[in-house]
Structure formats: structure tokens, C-alpha cells
N, C-alpha and C. Protein backbone atom coordinates (compact mmCIF):
# COMPACT_ATOMS: atom_id res chain seq x y z
N SER A 1 11.37 -8.09 -41.00
CA SER A 1 11.04 -7.91 -42.41
C SER A 1 9.56 -7.59 -42.56
N GLY A 2 9.27 -6.53 -43.30
CA GLY A 2 7.88 -6.15 -43.53
C GLY A 2 7.25 -5.33 -42.42
N ALA A 3 7.99 -5.05 -41.36
CA ALA A 3 7.44 -4.28 -40.24
C ALA A 3 7.33 -2.81 -40.62
N ASN A 4 6.36 -2.13 -40.04
CA ASN A 4 6.10 -0.74 -40.38
C ASN A 4 6.25 0.15 -39.15
N LEU A 5 7.30 0.97 -39.14
CA LEU A 5 7.55 1.97 -38.09
C LEU A 5 7.65 1.36 -36.69
N THR A 6 8.25 0.18 -36.61
CA THR A 6 8.51 -0.44 -35.31
C THR A 6 9.54 0.38 -34.54
N PRO A 7 9.34 0.63 -33.24
CA PRO A 7 10.36 1.34 -32.45
C PRO A 7 11.71 0.62 -32.55
N THR A 8 12.76 1.40 -32.62
CA THR A 8 14.11 0.82 -32.71
C THR A 8 14.82 0.76 -31.36
N VAL A 9 14.32 1.51 -30.39
CA VAL A 9 14.86 1.49 -29.03
C VAL A 9 13.71 1.59 -28.04
N ALA A 10 13.91 1.10 -26.82
CA ALA A 10 12.90 1.20 -25.76
C ALA A 10 13.54 0.84 -24.43
N LEU A 11 12.98 1.36 -23.36
CA LEU A 11 13.46 1.02 -22.02
C LEU A 11 12.89 -0.30 -21.54
N GLN A 12 11.65 -0.63 -21.98
CA GLN A 12 11.00 -1.87 -21.57
C GLN A 12 9.92 -2.21 -22.58
N VAL A 13 9.67 -3.50 -22.76
CA VAL A 13 8.63 -3.97 -23.67
C VAL A 13 7.80 -5.03 -22.96
N LEU A 14 6.48 -4.95 -23.10
CA LEU A 14 5.61 -6.01 -22.60
C LEU A 14 4.36 -6.11 -23.47
N VAL A 15 3.59 -7.17 -23.27
CA VAL A 15 2.35 -7.37 -24.00
C VAL A 15 1.20 -7.10 -23.04
N SER A 16 0.25 -6.25 -23.46
CA SER A 16 -0.87 -5.90 -22.59
C SER A 16 -1.80 -7.09 -22.41
N ASP A 17 -2.47 -7.12 -21.28
CA ASP A 17 -3.35 -8.22 -20.92
C ASP A 17 -4.62 -8.19 -21.74
N VAL A 18 -5.16 -9.33 -22.07
CA VAL A 18 -6.44 -9.53 -22.77
C VAL A 18 -6.40 -9.02 -24.22
N ASP A 19 -6.19 -7.70 -24.40
CA ASP A 19 -6.24 -7.13 -25.74
C ASP A 19 -4.98 -7.42 -26.56
N ARG A 20 -3.87 -7.72 -25.92
CA ARG A 20 -2.65 -8.18 -26.56
C ARG A 20 -2.08 -7.21 -27.58
N HIS A 21 -1.73 -6.04 -27.11
CA HIS A 21 -0.91 -5.10 -27.87
C HIS A 21 0.52 -5.19 -27.34
N VAL A 22 1.50 -5.11 -28.23
CA VAL A 22 2.89 -4.99 -27.78
C VAL A 22 3.11 -3.53 -27.42
N VAL A 23 3.61 -3.27 -26.22
CA VAL A 23 3.78 -1.90 -25.73
C VAL A 23 5.25 -1.64 -25.43
N CYS A 24 5.77 -0.54 -25.97
CA CYS A 24 7.15 -0.13 -25.72
C CYS A 24 7.15 1.12 -24.85
N PHE A 25 7.88 1.07 -23.76
CA PHE A 25 7.98 2.20 -22.83
C PHE A 25 9.34 2.87 -23.01
N GLY A 26 9.33 4.19 -23.16
CA GLY A 26 10.57 4.89 -23.46
C GLY A 26 11.01 4.64 -24.89
N ALA A 27 10.06 4.56 -25.80
CA ALA A 27 10.35 4.28 -27.20
C ALA A 27 10.79 5.55 -27.93
N ASP A 28 11.30 5.35 -29.14
CA ASP A 28 11.63 6.50 -29.99
C ASP A 28 10.39 6.88 -30.81
N PRO A 29 10.01 8.17 -30.81
CA PRO A 29 8.81 8.60 -31.54
C PRO A 29 9.02 8.59 -33.05
N ILE A 30 7.92 8.67 -33.77
CA ILE A 30 7.97 8.75 -35.22
C ILE A 30 8.42 10.14 -35.63
N SER A 31 9.37 10.18 -36.56
CA SER A 31 9.88 11.44 -37.09
C SER A 31 9.84 11.37 -38.60
N GLY A 32 8.82 12.01 -39.20
CA GLY A 32 8.64 11.92 -40.64
C GLY A 32 8.17 10.54 -41.04
N SER A 33 8.95 9.85 -41.84
CA SER A 33 8.58 8.52 -42.32
C SER A 33 9.37 7.42 -41.63
N SER A 34 10.01 7.74 -40.49
CA SER A 34 10.79 6.74 -39.76
C SER A 34 10.78 7.05 -38.27
N ARG A 35 11.43 6.22 -37.51
CA ARG A 35 11.59 6.47 -36.07
C ARG A 35 12.84 7.31 -35.84
N SER A 36 12.85 8.07 -34.75
CA SER A 36 13.96 9.00 -34.49
C SER A 36 15.25 8.29 -34.11
N GLY A 37 15.12 7.09 -33.51
CA GLY A 37 16.31 6.34 -33.08
C GLY A 37 16.82 6.74 -31.72
N ALA A 38 16.18 7.72 -31.07
CA ALA A 38 16.61 8.18 -29.75
C ALA A 38 15.50 7.92 -28.73
N VAL A 39 15.88 7.37 -27.59
CA VAL A 39 14.91 7.10 -26.52
C VAL A 39 14.25 8.39 -26.07
N ASP A 40 12.93 8.39 -26.04
CA ASP A 40 12.16 9.45 -25.38
C ASP A 40 11.70 8.85 -24.06
N PRO A 41 12.29 9.24 -22.94
CA PRO A 41 12.08 8.52 -21.67
C PRO A 41 10.67 8.54 -21.11
N LEU A 42 9.77 9.36 -21.67
CA LEU A 42 8.39 9.40 -21.19
C LEU A 42 7.39 8.98 -22.27
N PHE A 43 7.88 8.47 -23.39
CA PHE A 43 7.03 8.16 -24.54
C PHE A 43 6.65 6.69 -24.56
N ILE A 44 5.35 6.41 -24.77
CA ILE A 44 4.83 5.05 -24.86
C ILE A 44 4.27 4.84 -26.26
N ALA A 45 4.64 3.73 -26.91
CA ALA A 45 4.11 3.38 -28.22
C ALA A 45 3.60 1.95 -28.18
N TRP A 46 2.50 1.69 -28.89
CA TRP A 46 1.97 0.33 -28.93
C TRP A 46 1.60 -0.06 -30.36
N SER A 47 1.67 -1.35 -30.62
CA SER A 47 1.42 -1.89 -31.95
C SER A 47 -0.08 -2.03 -32.19
N ASP A 48 -0.42 -2.38 -33.42
CA ASP A 48 -1.78 -2.78 -33.75
C ASP A 48 -2.10 -4.06 -32.97
N GLN A 49 -3.36 -4.25 -32.64
CA GLN A 49 -3.76 -5.41 -31.85
C GLN A 49 -3.44 -6.72 -32.56
N GLU A 50 -2.76 -7.62 -31.85
CA GLU A 50 -2.36 -8.93 -32.37
C GLU A 50 -1.49 -8.82 -33.63
N ASN A 51 -0.80 -7.69 -33.79
CA ASN A 51 0.00 -7.48 -35.00
C ASN A 51 1.29 -6.77 -34.61
N VAL A 52 2.32 -7.54 -34.36
CA VAL A 52 3.58 -7.00 -33.84
C VAL A 52 4.35 -6.20 -34.89
N SER A 53 3.97 -6.32 -36.16
CA SER A 53 4.73 -5.64 -37.22
C SER A 53 4.15 -4.29 -37.64
N GLU A 54 2.97 -3.92 -37.14
CA GLU A 54 2.34 -2.66 -37.56
C GLU A 54 2.29 -1.67 -36.40
N TRP A 55 3.02 -0.55 -36.55
CA TRP A 55 3.13 0.44 -35.48
C TRP A 55 2.70 1.83 -35.91
N GLU A 56 2.32 2.00 -37.16
CA GLU A 56 1.89 3.32 -37.63
C GLU A 56 0.43 3.55 -37.25
N PRO A 57 0.14 4.60 -36.46
CA PRO A 57 -1.25 4.86 -36.08
C PRO A 57 -2.09 5.27 -37.29
N LEU A 58 -3.09 4.47 -37.60
CA LEU A 58 -3.98 4.72 -38.73
C LEU A 58 -5.43 4.52 -38.30
N PRO A 59 -6.39 5.13 -39.03
CA PRO A 59 -7.80 4.93 -38.69
C PRO A 59 -8.24 3.47 -38.80
N THR A 60 -7.46 2.67 -39.54
CA THR A 60 -7.82 1.27 -39.77
C THR A 60 -7.18 0.31 -38.79
N ASN A 61 -6.40 0.82 -37.81
CA ASN A 61 -5.78 -0.09 -36.84
C ASN A 61 -5.85 0.52 -35.44
N THR A 62 -5.27 -0.17 -34.46
CA THR A 62 -5.30 0.30 -33.07
C THR A 62 -3.92 0.69 -32.55
N ALA A 63 -2.95 0.85 -33.45
CA ALA A 63 -1.62 1.31 -33.04
C ALA A 63 -1.72 2.75 -32.55
N GLY A 64 -0.82 3.14 -31.66
CA GLY A 64 -0.86 4.51 -31.15
C GLY A 64 0.30 4.82 -30.24
N SER A 65 0.24 5.98 -29.61
CA SER A 65 1.30 6.41 -28.71
C SER A 65 0.77 7.44 -27.73
N PHE A 66 1.56 7.67 -26.68
CA PHE A 66 1.17 8.62 -25.64
C PHE A 66 2.43 9.06 -24.91
N ARG A 67 2.50 10.32 -24.54
CA ARG A 67 3.64 10.80 -23.76
C ARG A 67 3.17 11.19 -22.35
N LEU A 68 3.81 10.62 -21.35
CA LEU A 68 3.48 10.95 -19.97
C LEU A 68 3.98 12.35 -19.63
N SER A 69 3.39 12.95 -18.61
CA SER A 69 3.76 14.33 -18.27
C SER A 69 4.47 14.46 -16.93
N ALA A 70 4.27 13.50 -16.04
CA ALA A 70 4.85 13.61 -14.69
C ALA A 70 6.15 12.82 -14.61
N GLY A 71 7.22 13.48 -14.17
CA GLY A 71 8.51 12.82 -14.02
C GLY A 71 9.44 13.13 -15.17
N SER A 72 10.63 12.53 -15.11
CA SER A 72 11.62 12.76 -16.15
C SER A 72 11.91 11.50 -16.97
N GLN A 73 11.53 10.31 -16.45
CA GLN A 73 11.72 9.08 -17.21
C GLN A 73 10.84 7.97 -16.66
N ILE A 74 10.49 7.04 -17.54
CA ILE A 74 9.77 5.84 -17.12
C ILE A 74 10.79 4.89 -16.48
N ILE A 75 10.49 4.45 -15.27
CA ILE A 75 11.39 3.52 -14.58
C ILE A 75 11.00 2.07 -14.88
N GLY A 76 9.69 1.77 -14.84
CA GLY A 76 9.26 0.39 -15.08
C GLY A 76 7.77 0.30 -15.27
N ALA A 77 7.33 -0.84 -15.79
CA ALA A 77 5.91 -1.11 -16.00
C ALA A 77 5.62 -2.56 -15.61
N LEU A 78 4.38 -2.81 -15.20
CA LEU A 78 4.01 -4.13 -14.71
C LEU A 78 2.55 -4.39 -15.08
N ARG A 79 2.29 -5.59 -15.61
CA ARG A 79 0.91 -5.97 -15.88
C ARG A 79 0.22 -6.32 -14.59
N ALA A 80 -0.86 -5.63 -14.31
CA ALA A 80 -1.67 -5.92 -13.12
C ALA A 80 -3.03 -6.43 -13.57
N ARG A 81 -3.99 -6.43 -12.68
CA ARG A 81 -5.30 -6.98 -13.00
C ARG A 81 -6.07 -6.02 -13.91
N GLN A 82 -6.22 -6.38 -15.18
CA GLN A 82 -6.96 -5.62 -16.18
C GLN A 82 -6.41 -4.21 -16.39
N GLU A 83 -5.14 -4.01 -16.09
CA GLU A 83 -4.50 -2.72 -16.32
C GLU A 83 -2.98 -2.92 -16.34
N THR A 84 -2.30 -1.94 -16.89
CA THR A 84 -0.84 -1.92 -16.85
C THR A 84 -0.41 -0.74 -16.00
N LEU A 85 0.38 -0.98 -14.98
CA LEU A 85 0.88 0.08 -14.11
C LEU A 85 2.22 0.56 -14.65
N ILE A 86 2.38 1.88 -14.71
CA ILE A 86 3.60 2.49 -15.25
C ILE A 86 4.14 3.47 -14.22
N TRP A 87 5.39 3.27 -13.83
CA TRP A 87 6.03 4.17 -12.88
C TRP A 87 7.05 5.05 -13.59
N THR A 88 7.01 6.35 -13.31
CA THR A 88 8.12 7.21 -13.65
C THR A 88 8.94 7.39 -12.37
N ASP A 89 9.91 8.29 -12.39
CA ASP A 89 10.69 8.52 -11.19
C ASP A 89 9.91 9.29 -10.12
N THR A 90 8.74 9.85 -10.48
CA THR A 90 7.97 10.63 -9.50
C THR A 90 6.48 10.33 -9.49
N ALA A 91 6.00 9.38 -10.27
CA ALA A 91 4.55 9.19 -10.38
C ALA A 91 4.19 7.76 -10.77
N LEU A 92 2.91 7.44 -10.56
CA LEU A 92 2.36 6.15 -10.97
C LEU A 92 1.17 6.40 -11.89
N TYR A 93 1.17 5.72 -13.04
CA TYR A 93 0.08 5.80 -14.01
C TYR A 93 -0.58 4.44 -14.17
N SER A 94 -1.86 4.46 -14.56
CA SER A 94 -2.59 3.25 -14.90
C SER A 94 -3.01 3.33 -16.36
N MET A 95 -2.68 2.31 -17.13
CA MET A 95 -3.06 2.27 -18.54
C MET A 95 -4.04 1.13 -18.75
N THR A 96 -5.24 1.44 -19.26
CA THR A 96 -6.28 0.44 -19.46
C THR A 96 -6.78 0.47 -20.89
N PHE A 97 -7.19 -0.68 -21.38
CA PHE A 97 -7.72 -0.79 -22.73
C PHE A 97 -9.14 -0.24 -22.77
N VAL A 98 -9.38 0.73 -23.67
CA VAL A 98 -10.70 1.36 -23.78
C VAL A 98 -11.31 1.18 -25.16
N GLY A 99 -10.57 0.63 -26.10
CA GLY A 99 -11.07 0.41 -27.44
C GLY A 99 -10.94 1.63 -28.33
N GLN A 100 -11.35 1.50 -29.57
CA GLN A 100 -11.23 2.59 -30.52
C GLN A 100 -12.17 3.75 -30.15
N PRO A 101 -11.78 5.01 -30.46
CA PRO A 101 -10.62 5.37 -31.29
C PRO A 101 -9.33 5.58 -30.50
N PHE A 102 -9.38 5.53 -29.16
CA PHE A 102 -8.20 5.89 -28.36
C PHE A 102 -7.35 4.68 -27.98
N THR A 103 -7.90 3.49 -28.06
CA THR A 103 -7.23 2.22 -27.72
C THR A 103 -6.95 2.10 -26.23
N PHE A 104 -6.09 3.00 -25.68
CA PHE A 104 -5.76 2.96 -24.27
C PHE A 104 -6.09 4.28 -23.58
N GLY A 105 -6.54 4.17 -22.34
CA GLY A 105 -6.68 5.33 -21.49
C GLY A 105 -5.56 5.32 -20.47
N VAL A 106 -4.87 6.44 -20.31
CA VAL A 106 -3.75 6.55 -19.37
C VAL A 106 -4.11 7.57 -18.31
N ASN A 107 -4.17 7.13 -17.06
CA ASN A 107 -4.59 7.99 -15.95
C ASN A 107 -3.50 8.10 -14.89
N LEU A 108 -3.30 9.31 -14.39
CA LEU A 108 -2.36 9.52 -13.30
C LEU A 108 -2.99 9.06 -12.00
N VAL A 109 -2.37 8.06 -11.37
CA VAL A 109 -2.90 7.50 -10.11
C VAL A 109 -2.37 8.26 -8.91
N ASN A 110 -1.06 8.53 -8.93
CA ASN A 110 -0.44 9.18 -7.79
C ASN A 110 0.81 9.92 -8.25
N GLU A 111 0.99 11.13 -7.77
CA GLU A 111 2.21 11.88 -8.07
C GLU A 111 2.96 12.12 -6.76
N GLY A 112 4.25 11.87 -6.80
CA GLY A 112 5.06 12.01 -5.59
C GLY A 112 5.65 10.70 -5.13
N VAL A 113 5.20 9.59 -5.73
CA VAL A 113 5.72 8.26 -5.41
C VAL A 113 6.21 7.61 -6.69
N GLY A 114 7.49 7.30 -6.77
CA GLY A 114 8.06 6.67 -7.95
C GLY A 114 8.42 5.22 -7.70
N LEU A 115 9.38 4.72 -8.46
CA LEU A 115 9.83 3.33 -8.37
C LEU A 115 11.34 3.32 -8.28
N ILE A 116 11.89 2.49 -7.40
CA ILE A 116 13.33 2.47 -7.14
C ILE A 116 14.13 1.93 -8.32
N SER A 117 13.54 0.96 -9.06
CA SER A 117 14.28 0.29 -10.14
C SER A 117 13.30 -0.38 -11.09
N PRO A 118 13.74 -0.74 -12.29
CA PRO A 118 12.84 -1.42 -13.23
C PRO A 118 12.24 -2.71 -12.70
N ASN A 119 12.94 -3.39 -11.79
CA ASN A 119 12.43 -4.64 -11.20
C ASN A 119 12.01 -4.46 -9.74
N GLY A 120 11.69 -3.22 -9.38
CA GLY A 120 11.37 -2.93 -7.98
C GLY A 120 9.92 -3.15 -7.60
N ALA A 121 9.07 -3.60 -8.55
CA ALA A 121 7.65 -3.85 -8.27
C ALA A 121 7.32 -5.31 -8.55
N ILE A 122 6.33 -5.84 -7.83
CA ILE A 122 5.98 -7.26 -7.97
C ILE A 122 4.50 -7.47 -7.71
N ASN A 123 3.90 -8.40 -8.46
CA ASN A 123 2.51 -8.81 -8.23
C ASN A 123 2.46 -9.85 -7.12
N THR A 124 1.46 -9.74 -6.25
CA THR A 124 1.24 -10.72 -5.20
C THR A 124 -0.26 -11.01 -5.12
N PRO A 125 -0.66 -12.06 -4.38
CA PRO A 125 -2.10 -12.32 -4.21
C PRO A 125 -2.84 -11.18 -3.52
N LYS A 126 -2.12 -10.28 -2.86
CA LYS A 126 -2.74 -9.17 -2.14
C LYS A 126 -2.59 -7.84 -2.87
N GLY A 127 -2.17 -7.89 -4.14
CA GLY A 127 -1.99 -6.65 -4.89
C GLY A 127 -0.54 -6.45 -5.30
N VAL A 128 -0.25 -5.28 -5.80
CA VAL A 128 1.10 -4.95 -6.27
C VAL A 128 1.86 -4.24 -5.15
N TYR A 129 3.12 -4.65 -4.95
CA TYR A 129 3.98 -4.02 -3.95
C TYR A 129 5.21 -3.46 -4.66
N TRP A 130 5.71 -2.33 -4.19
CA TRP A 130 6.94 -1.79 -4.77
C TRP A 130 7.71 -0.95 -3.76
N MET A 131 8.95 -0.70 -4.14
CA MET A 131 9.89 0.07 -3.32
C MET A 131 10.17 1.39 -4.04
N ASP A 132 10.11 2.48 -3.28
CA ASP A 132 10.43 3.80 -3.79
C ASP A 132 11.76 4.22 -3.14
N LYS A 133 12.23 5.39 -3.46
CA LYS A 133 13.49 5.86 -2.88
C LYS A 133 13.35 6.24 -1.40
N LYS A 134 12.11 6.27 -0.92
CA LYS A 134 11.92 6.66 0.48
C LYS A 134 10.98 5.77 1.27
N GLY A 135 10.46 4.70 0.66
CA GLY A 135 9.55 3.85 1.40
C GLY A 135 9.01 2.70 0.56
N PHE A 136 8.00 2.03 1.11
CA PHE A 136 7.37 0.88 0.47
C PHE A 136 5.88 1.13 0.32
N TYR A 137 5.33 0.65 -0.80
CA TYR A 137 3.94 0.96 -1.12
C TYR A 137 3.23 -0.26 -1.70
N THR A 138 1.90 -0.19 -1.66
CA THR A 138 1.08 -1.24 -2.25
C THR A 138 -0.06 -0.59 -3.03
N TYR A 139 -0.54 -1.33 -4.04
CA TYR A 139 -1.62 -0.84 -4.89
C TYR A 139 -2.60 -1.96 -5.17
N SER A 140 -3.87 -1.70 -4.88
CA SER A 140 -4.94 -2.61 -5.27
C SER A 140 -6.16 -1.75 -5.60
N GLY A 141 -5.96 -0.80 -6.49
CA GLY A 141 -6.99 0.17 -6.84
C GLY A 141 -6.64 1.58 -6.39
N SER A 142 -5.85 1.66 -5.33
CA SER A 142 -5.34 2.95 -4.84
C SER A 142 -3.99 2.71 -4.19
N VAL A 143 -3.19 3.77 -4.10
CA VAL A 143 -1.85 3.67 -3.53
C VAL A 143 -1.91 3.80 -2.01
N GLN A 144 -1.24 2.90 -1.32
CA GLN A 144 -1.19 2.95 0.14
C GLN A 144 0.25 2.81 0.61
N ASP A 145 0.63 3.65 1.53
CA ASP A 145 1.94 3.57 2.16
C ASP A 145 1.96 2.40 3.13
N ILE A 146 3.03 1.61 3.15
CA ILE A 146 3.14 0.48 4.07
C ILE A 146 4.00 0.91 5.26
N PRO A 147 3.43 0.97 6.45
CA PRO A 147 4.27 1.28 7.63
C PRO A 147 5.39 0.26 7.76
N CYS A 148 6.61 0.75 7.90
CA CYS A 148 7.78 -0.13 7.90
C CYS A 148 8.63 0.12 9.13
N THR A 149 8.79 -0.92 9.94
CA THR A 149 9.56 -0.80 11.19
C THR A 149 11.06 -0.78 10.95
N VAL A 150 11.50 -1.13 9.73
CA VAL A 150 12.94 -1.17 9.44
C VAL A 150 13.31 -0.17 8.34
N GLN A 151 12.45 0.81 8.13
CA GLN A 151 12.67 1.76 7.03
C GLN A 151 13.98 2.53 7.18
N ASP A 152 14.25 3.03 8.39
CA ASP A 152 15.50 3.76 8.62
C ASP A 152 16.71 2.85 8.40
N TYR A 153 16.61 1.61 8.82
CA TYR A 153 17.71 0.65 8.63
C TYR A 153 18.02 0.48 7.15
N VAL A 154 16.98 0.34 6.33
CA VAL A 154 17.17 0.09 4.90
C VAL A 154 17.72 1.32 4.19
N PHE A 155 17.07 2.46 4.37
CA PHE A 155 17.40 3.62 3.55
C PHE A 155 18.58 4.44 4.08
N SER A 156 18.99 4.20 5.32
CA SER A 156 20.20 4.86 5.82
C SER A 156 21.46 4.12 5.39
N ASP A 157 21.28 2.90 4.88
CA ASP A 157 22.42 2.10 4.41
C ASP A 157 22.09 1.52 3.04
N PHE A 158 21.81 2.42 2.10
CA PHE A 158 21.37 2.04 0.76
C PHE A 158 22.25 2.74 -0.28
N ASN A 159 22.77 1.98 -1.22
CA ASN A 159 23.63 2.55 -2.26
C ASN A 159 22.76 3.11 -3.39
N GLU A 160 22.51 4.42 -3.35
CA GLU A 160 21.64 5.04 -4.36
C GLU A 160 22.25 4.97 -5.75
N GLY A 161 23.58 4.90 -5.85
CA GLY A 161 24.23 4.77 -7.14
C GLY A 161 23.98 3.43 -7.81
N GLN A 162 23.56 2.44 -7.02
CA GLN A 162 23.25 1.10 -7.53
C GLN A 162 21.77 0.77 -7.33
N ALA A 163 20.94 1.81 -7.30
CA ALA A 163 19.51 1.63 -7.01
C ALA A 163 18.82 0.72 -8.03
N PHE A 164 19.26 0.78 -9.31
CA PHE A 164 18.61 -0.02 -10.34
C PHE A 164 18.83 -1.51 -10.18
N GLN A 165 19.72 -1.91 -9.28
CA GLN A 165 19.90 -3.34 -9.00
C GLN A 165 18.83 -3.89 -8.06
N ALA A 166 18.11 -3.02 -7.36
CA ALA A 166 17.08 -3.46 -6.42
C ALA A 166 16.08 -4.36 -7.16
N PHE A 167 15.73 -5.47 -6.53
CA PHE A 167 14.95 -6.51 -7.23
C PHE A 167 13.88 -7.06 -6.28
N ALA A 168 12.61 -6.94 -6.67
CA ALA A 168 11.50 -7.42 -5.84
C ALA A 168 11.25 -8.90 -6.08
N PHE A 169 10.76 -9.59 -5.06
CA PHE A 169 10.40 -11.01 -5.20
C PHE A 169 9.20 -11.31 -4.30
N VAL A 170 8.52 -12.40 -4.60
CA VAL A 170 7.37 -12.82 -3.79
C VAL A 170 7.54 -14.28 -3.42
N ASN A 171 7.17 -14.62 -2.18
CA ASN A 171 7.19 -15.99 -1.69
C ASN A 171 5.76 -16.30 -1.23
N LYS A 172 4.95 -16.79 -2.16
CA LYS A 172 3.52 -16.99 -1.87
C LYS A 172 3.28 -18.01 -0.77
N GLU A 173 4.16 -19.01 -0.66
CA GLU A 173 3.98 -20.05 0.35
C GLU A 173 3.97 -19.48 1.76
N PHE A 174 4.76 -18.43 1.97
CA PHE A 174 4.86 -17.83 3.30
C PHE A 174 4.29 -16.41 3.35
N ASP A 175 3.50 -16.04 2.34
CA ASP A 175 2.82 -14.73 2.32
C ASP A 175 3.81 -13.57 2.45
N GLU A 176 4.92 -13.68 1.71
CA GLU A 176 5.97 -12.67 1.84
C GLU A 176 6.29 -12.01 0.51
N VAL A 177 6.64 -10.74 0.61
CA VAL A 177 7.20 -10.01 -0.51
C VAL A 177 8.48 -9.35 -0.02
N GLY A 178 9.48 -9.23 -0.89
CA GLY A 178 10.74 -8.66 -0.42
C GLY A 178 11.54 -8.03 -1.53
N TRP A 179 12.66 -7.43 -1.14
CA TRP A 179 13.54 -6.75 -2.08
C TRP A 179 15.00 -7.05 -1.75
N PHE A 180 15.77 -7.38 -2.77
CA PHE A 180 17.22 -7.46 -2.66
C PHE A 180 17.78 -6.09 -3.03
N TYR A 181 18.85 -5.66 -2.36
CA TYR A 181 19.42 -4.34 -2.67
C TYR A 181 20.89 -4.29 -2.24
N CYS A 182 21.56 -3.22 -2.68
CA CYS A 182 22.97 -3.01 -2.34
C CYS A 182 23.08 -2.06 -1.15
N SER A 183 23.85 -2.44 -0.16
CA SER A 183 24.10 -1.53 0.95
C SER A 183 25.07 -0.44 0.49
N SER A 184 25.23 0.59 1.28
CA SER A 184 26.04 1.75 0.89
C SER A 184 27.51 1.40 0.64
N SER A 185 27.99 0.31 1.22
CA SER A 185 29.39 -0.06 1.06
C SER A 185 29.60 -1.13 -0.01
N SER A 186 28.54 -1.48 -0.77
CA SER A 186 28.63 -2.56 -1.74
C SER A 186 28.10 -2.12 -3.11
N SER A 187 28.74 -2.63 -4.17
CA SER A 187 28.28 -2.36 -5.53
C SER A 187 27.53 -3.56 -6.11
N VAL A 188 27.34 -4.60 -5.29
CA VAL A 188 26.54 -5.76 -5.69
C VAL A 188 25.53 -6.03 -4.58
N ILE A 189 24.46 -6.73 -4.93
CA ILE A 189 23.40 -7.01 -3.95
C ILE A 189 23.97 -7.82 -2.78
N ASN A 190 23.73 -7.31 -1.57
CA ASN A 190 24.23 -8.02 -0.39
C ASN A 190 23.26 -7.96 0.80
N LYS A 191 22.08 -7.37 0.59
CA LYS A 191 21.09 -7.29 1.67
C LYS A 191 19.69 -7.53 1.11
N TYR A 192 18.79 -7.85 2.03
CA TYR A 192 17.38 -7.99 1.64
C TYR A 192 16.49 -7.49 2.77
N VAL A 193 15.26 -7.15 2.40
CA VAL A 193 14.23 -6.79 3.36
C VAL A 193 12.95 -7.50 2.94
N VAL A 194 12.25 -8.11 3.88
CA VAL A 194 11.08 -8.93 3.59
C VAL A 194 9.89 -8.44 4.41
N PHE A 195 8.70 -8.42 3.78
CA PHE A 195 7.47 -8.03 4.45
C PHE A 195 6.45 -9.16 4.34
N ASN A 196 5.92 -9.60 5.47
CA ASN A 196 4.83 -10.58 5.50
C ASN A 196 3.53 -9.81 5.43
N TYR A 197 2.86 -9.87 4.27
CA TYR A 197 1.66 -9.05 4.07
C TYR A 197 0.43 -9.57 4.79
N GLU A 198 0.48 -10.76 5.36
CA GLU A 198 -0.64 -11.24 6.18
C GLU A 198 -0.47 -10.83 7.65
N ASP A 199 0.77 -10.92 8.16
CA ASP A 199 1.03 -10.61 9.57
C ASP A 199 1.52 -9.18 9.78
N GLY A 200 1.94 -8.51 8.69
CA GLY A 200 2.45 -7.15 8.84
C GLY A 200 3.81 -7.08 9.52
N VAL A 201 4.62 -8.13 9.35
CA VAL A 201 5.91 -8.22 10.03
C VAL A 201 7.05 -8.04 9.03
N TRP A 202 8.07 -7.24 9.40
CA TRP A 202 9.24 -7.00 8.55
C TRP A 202 10.43 -7.81 9.05
N THR A 203 11.26 -8.26 8.10
CA THR A 203 12.48 -9.01 8.41
C THR A 203 13.61 -8.46 7.55
N ILE A 204 14.82 -8.42 8.10
CA ILE A 204 15.99 -7.96 7.35
C ILE A 204 17.07 -9.04 7.36
N GLY A 205 17.97 -8.97 6.41
CA GLY A 205 19.06 -9.95 6.37
C GLY A 205 20.10 -9.59 5.33
């Protein structure tokens, strides 16, 4: 009640760090005096600061929007250290708070590396780790490929039709990050792969 031009659909919603804007990824853009009602898979919209009910971009507020250019859809977003990381199916973007008049700056970090699923990325004490359709990566200011001794084992027996079920997790007590996924013969999660980021050792199960 009383909300102004709030998105009616979105692929993901989160609150930005420190500045506290509500951000919708894959939102429906404004069309005339209302929202279109249809997901725009590369469109990002954010509310006025600390005001979840105001979404109309005006000179008197910090609401706004931005459309990404690389990829065909936003797969997922994750709050990282003083930035929000946004993955499409083919690229990684960094969104940082810059203040008025632009509110957020969105920069292309890497093109050619996407995200396997909306829950395929995870924060760890050593940075952000994620799974792509062809490998594993980490980010702590720049994207780095993680050499994987079990990469062929994982991706030669991976159900791409159930890729969105892939789910990242972290076990800080044992310095591990891992992913649950569906093997090629299963439509539910039945395998995992784990990486010890201190020892550089991979485990499967």
C-alpha cells in the first residue's frame, strides 16, 4: 500500500551492503506510468535508499535502474565486500555504491565466465567461489581459475538439464567450499565436490 512503481516480478532480490537499497535483478522495467509485468532478464532496478516503497527514479531520490549488456540473463547475485557481484550466463559484473547522481556504478569484471545456478556462488574467508558450466573460479578483486584435479569427473557426469539445482556451501571449520549437483543419470542432487582452499585439495563423493 502506498508503494510507487515497485517491480512486480524479479529473478532475485537482495539488499545492498552499507547503503541499504533494495535491488531487484531481472525486474520488469517501467512502461509509462506502471511496470511492464514481464521479466527483463538483464534489467536491474533499485529502490530509494532506506525506502522500500519508492522505486521511481527522481532527482530527489536515489532510485534507479540499469540494463546489463553481456549475456542473455542474470543467473545470480551475491553481496561481497563493499560490492555486489552479479553473474549472467556469460559474464561477471561488480556493482558498487557511488552516490548521487548515479547511485551505483556497474562494471564488467570478466566476460566468458558465468554462473552454473542462482545458488552456485558462496562467500568464504578467502573470497568468493563459484561454479561455472566448465570449471571453478574465485574472486577477491579479480577472477582466477581454480586448477581442479577432478574437473573431468564432475563435468563429464553432470546433468545440464538440472544445472540450476547446483548449490554451493562453505565449511569454515575445515577451510572447505563445495557444491552439490545432479549427476547425468539423476534429476535430484546425488553428488558433491569439495575444495580445501588452504591445502588446494579436491574431494568427491
